[in-house]
């Protein structure tokens, strides 16, 4: 939430969908996963890139909201967008470039936060290789084991009362 444009719900969405940031080898891998990596749409002498429709759309939306908030305020993101426009990019191309830049910033922030917290396997603090967060078959207690099977049917006895 230290980043401009990320509120409580955006931070929760990022943390919930991304999980352990260590699963991404680079910021480019993260950008490809969230759909902010540009797709080449060049033809002939014209070099263009277009917005990817692939990737995690919820994270892409959180980054889009972050970009719009940064454009409305006097931030580095707004200055970056203006530089892209001055360089001859269309407004949509400049927005796509800003979203990619913000994706890199979010990646760097999450990597720094993960180093600060020093999460274990599975992305959880205090996780060990024996914990259920990282182990596919966690050790279970006897009270959690399943019962041996269905009970055997008992013969029905009827009770006849004569008065």
Protein backbone atom coordinates (compact mmCIF):
# COMPACT_ATOMS: atom_id res chain seq x y z
CA UNK A 1 0.00 0.00 0.00
CA UNK A 2 3.07 2.28 -0.02
CA UNK A 3 2.71 2.62 -3.80
CA UNK A 4 0.52 5.42 -5.15
CA UNK A 5 -2.74 4.01 -6.49
CA UNK A 6 -2.80 0.80 -4.45
CA UNK A 7 -5.36 0.80 -1.67
CA UNK A 8 -6.41 -1.97 0.72
CA UNK A 9 -8.46 -3.88 -1.85
CA UNK A 10 -5.78 -3.55 -4.55
CA UNK A 11 -3.09 -4.73 -2.14
CA UNK A 12 -5.26 -7.68 -1.09
CA UNK A 13 -5.86 -8.58 -4.74
CA UNK A 14 -2.12 -8.41 -5.51
CA UNK A 15 -1.15 -10.49 -2.49
CA UNK A 16 -3.95 -13.01 -2.98
CA UNK A 17 -3.46 -13.65 -6.69
CA UNK A 18 0.33 -13.41 -6.80
CA UNK A 19 1.08 -15.36 -3.63
CA UNK A 20 4.81 -16.07 -3.55
CA UNK A 21 6.63 -13.57 -5.78
CA UNK A 22 9.62 -15.92 -5.97
CA UNK A 23 7.75 -18.02 -8.54
CA UNK A 24 8.49 -15.27 -11.09
CA UNK A 25 12.10 -15.29 -12.26
CA UNK A 26 12.08 -11.68 -13.46
CA UNK A 27 9.95 -8.58 -13.84
CA UNK A 28 9.45 -9.54 -17.52
CA UNK A 29 8.04 -12.93 -16.45
CA UNK A 30 5.73 -11.15 -14.01
CA UNK A 31 4.62 -8.67 -16.72
CA UNK A 32 3.87 -11.51 -19.12
CA UNK A 33 1.81 -13.26 -16.42
CA UNK A 34 -0.25 -10.16 -15.59
CA UNK A 35 -0.77 -9.10 -19.21
CA UNK A 36 1.18 -5.84 -19.21
CA UNK A 37 3.98 -7.08 -21.46
CA UNK A 38 3.55 -5.53 -24.91
CA UNK A 39 2.76 -7.63 -27.96
CA UNK A 40 4.54 -6.72 -31.18
CA UNK A 41 2.08 -5.39 -33.76
CA UNK A 42 4.61 -4.01 -36.23
CA UNK A 43 4.01 -3.96 -39.96
CA UNK A 44 6.54 -2.85 -42.51
CA UNK A 45 8.39 0.26 -41.38
CA UNK A 46 5.93 0.98 -38.59
CA UNK A 47 7.03 -0.36 -35.19
CA UNK A 48 4.07 -0.70 -32.83
CA UNK A 49 3.09 -2.66 -29.78
CA UNK A 50 -0.37 -3.39 -28.55
CA UNK A 51 -1.88 -4.23 -25.20
CA UNK A 52 -2.02 -7.90 -24.36
CA UNK A 53 -5.43 -9.39 -23.61
CA UNK A 54 -3.82 -12.43 -22.01
CA UNK A 55 -2.66 -12.82 -18.44
CA UNK A 56 -4.31 -12.41 -15.09
CA UNK A 57 -7.05 -9.87 -15.73
CA UNK A 58 -7.63 -9.08 -12.04
CA UNK A 59 -4.01 -8.07 -11.53
CA UNK A 60 -4.08 -6.18 -14.83
CA UNK A 61 -7.13 -4.28 -13.58
CA UNK A 62 -5.39 -3.41 -10.30
CA UNK A 63 -2.43 -2.07 -12.30
CA UNK A 64 -4.82 -0.13 -14.57
CA UNK A 65 -6.46 1.53 -11.55
CA UNK A 66 -2.99 2.30 -10.19
CA UNK A 67 -2.07 3.93 -13.52
CA UNK A 68 -5.25 6.04 -13.63
CA UNK A 69 -4.71 7.24 -10.05
CA UNK A 70 -1.13 8.18 -10.90
CA UNK A 71 -2.28 10.11 -13.97
CA UNK A 72 -4.72 12.13 -11.86
CA UNK A 73 -2.10 13.11 -9.30
CA UNK A 74 1.26 14.82 -9.70
CA UNK A 75 3.39 11.65 -9.57
CA UNK A 76 6.34 10.14 -11.38
CA UNK A 77 3.85 8.02 -13.32
CA UNK A 78 2.17 11.13 -14.69
CA UNK A 79 5.52 12.60 -15.72
CA UNK A 80 6.47 9.31 -17.40
CA UNK A 81 3.15 9.29 -19.31
CA UNK A 82 3.74 12.86 -20.49
CA UNK A 83 7.25 11.94 -21.68
CA UNK A 84 5.81 9.04 -23.70
CA UNK A 85 3.23 11.37 -25.26
CA UNK A 86 5.96 13.91 -26.10
CA UNK A 87 7.93 11.11 -27.75
CA UNK A 88 5.08 10.62 -30.22
CA UNK A 89 3.20 7.73 -28.59
CA UNK A 90 -0.58 7.65 -28.76
CA UNK A 91 -2.45 8.02 -25.44
CA UNK A 92 -3.21 4.28 -25.37
CA UNK A 93 0.42 3.36 -26.11
CA UNK A 94 1.58 5.72 -23.36
CA UNK A 95 -0.90 4.14 -20.92
CA UNK A 96 0.29 0.65 -21.88
CA UNK A 97 3.90 1.72 -21.28
CA UNK A 98 2.94 3.19 -17.90
CA UNK A 99 1.18 -0.02 -16.87
CA UNK A 100 4.26 -2.04 -17.79
CA UNK A 101 6.45 0.32 -15.78
CA UNK A 102 4.10 0.04 -12.80
CA UNK A 103 4.17 -3.75 -13.14
CA UNK A 104 7.96 -3.61 -12.78
CA UNK A 105 7.64 -1.34 -9.72
CA UNK A 106 5.11 -3.68 -8.07
CA UNK A 107 7.41 -6.64 -8.78
CA UNK A 108 10.41 -4.85 -7.25
CA UNK A 109 8.37 -3.83 -4.19
CA UNK A 110 7.08 -7.36 -3.63
CA UNK A 111 10.57 -8.84 -3.99
CA UNK A 112 11.89 -6.31 -1.46
CA UNK A 113 9.01 -7.09 0.92
CA UNK A 114 9.60 -10.84 0.59
CA UNK A 115 13.28 -10.37 1.47
CA UNK A 116 12.31 -8.21 4.43
CA UNK A 117 9.88 -10.80 5.79
CA UNK A 118 12.02 -13.76 4.69
CA UNK A 119 9.24 -16.13 3.88
CA UNK A 120 9.85 -19.84 3.82
CA UNK A 121 8.74 -22.48 1.33
CA UNK A 122 5.21 -21.88 0.10
CA UNK A 123 5.48 -18.13 0.69
CA UNK A 124 4.39 -18.27 4.33
CA UNK A 125 6.29 -16.89 7.27
CA UNK A 126 7.58 -19.70 9.47
CA UNK A 127 6.82 -22.41 6.93
CA UNK A 128 9.03 -25.47 6.98
CA UNK A 129 9.28 -28.43 4.70
CA UNK A 130 7.13 -30.36 7.19
CA UNK A 131 4.31 -27.81 7.33
CA UNK A 132 1.08 -28.18 5.41
CA UNK A 133 1.85 -24.96 3.52
CA UNK A 134 4.74 -26.60 1.66
CA UNK A 135 4.11 -30.34 1.99
CA UNK A 136 1.66 -32.10 -0.29
CA UNK A 137 1.04 -34.82 2.33
CA UNK A 138 1.19 -33.14 5.71
CA UNK A 139 1.45 -35.30 8.77
CA UNK A 140 -2.02 -35.65 10.17
CA UNK A 141 -3.09 -36.34 13.68
CA UNK A 142 -5.04 -39.50 14.56
CA UNK A 143 -8.18 -37.47 15.15
CA UNK A 144 -8.04 -36.28 11.53
CA UNK A 145 -7.79 -39.75 9.97
CA UNK A 146 -10.80 -41.13 8.20
CA UNK A 147 -12.89 -43.85 9.78
CA UNK A 148 -12.25 -47.46 8.68
CA UNK A 149 -15.43 -47.68 6.60
CA UNK A 150 -19.22 -47.78 6.82
CA UNK A 151 -20.81 -49.51 9.75
CA UNK A 152 -22.13 -53.02 9.24
CA UNK A 153 -25.94 -53.18 8.97
CA UNK A 154 -27.54 -54.39 12.17
CA UNK A 155 -30.55 -56.74 12.12
CA UNK A 156 -33.76 -54.93 12.89
CA UNK A 157 -35.66 -56.04 15.90
CA UNK A 158 -39.25 -55.09 16.37
CA UNK A 159 -40.85 -54.60 19.67
CA UNK A 160 -44.43 -55.74 19.98
CA UNK A 161 -46.36 -54.45 22.94
CA UNK A 162 -49.66 -56.10 23.80
CA UNK A 163 -51.90 -54.50 26.36
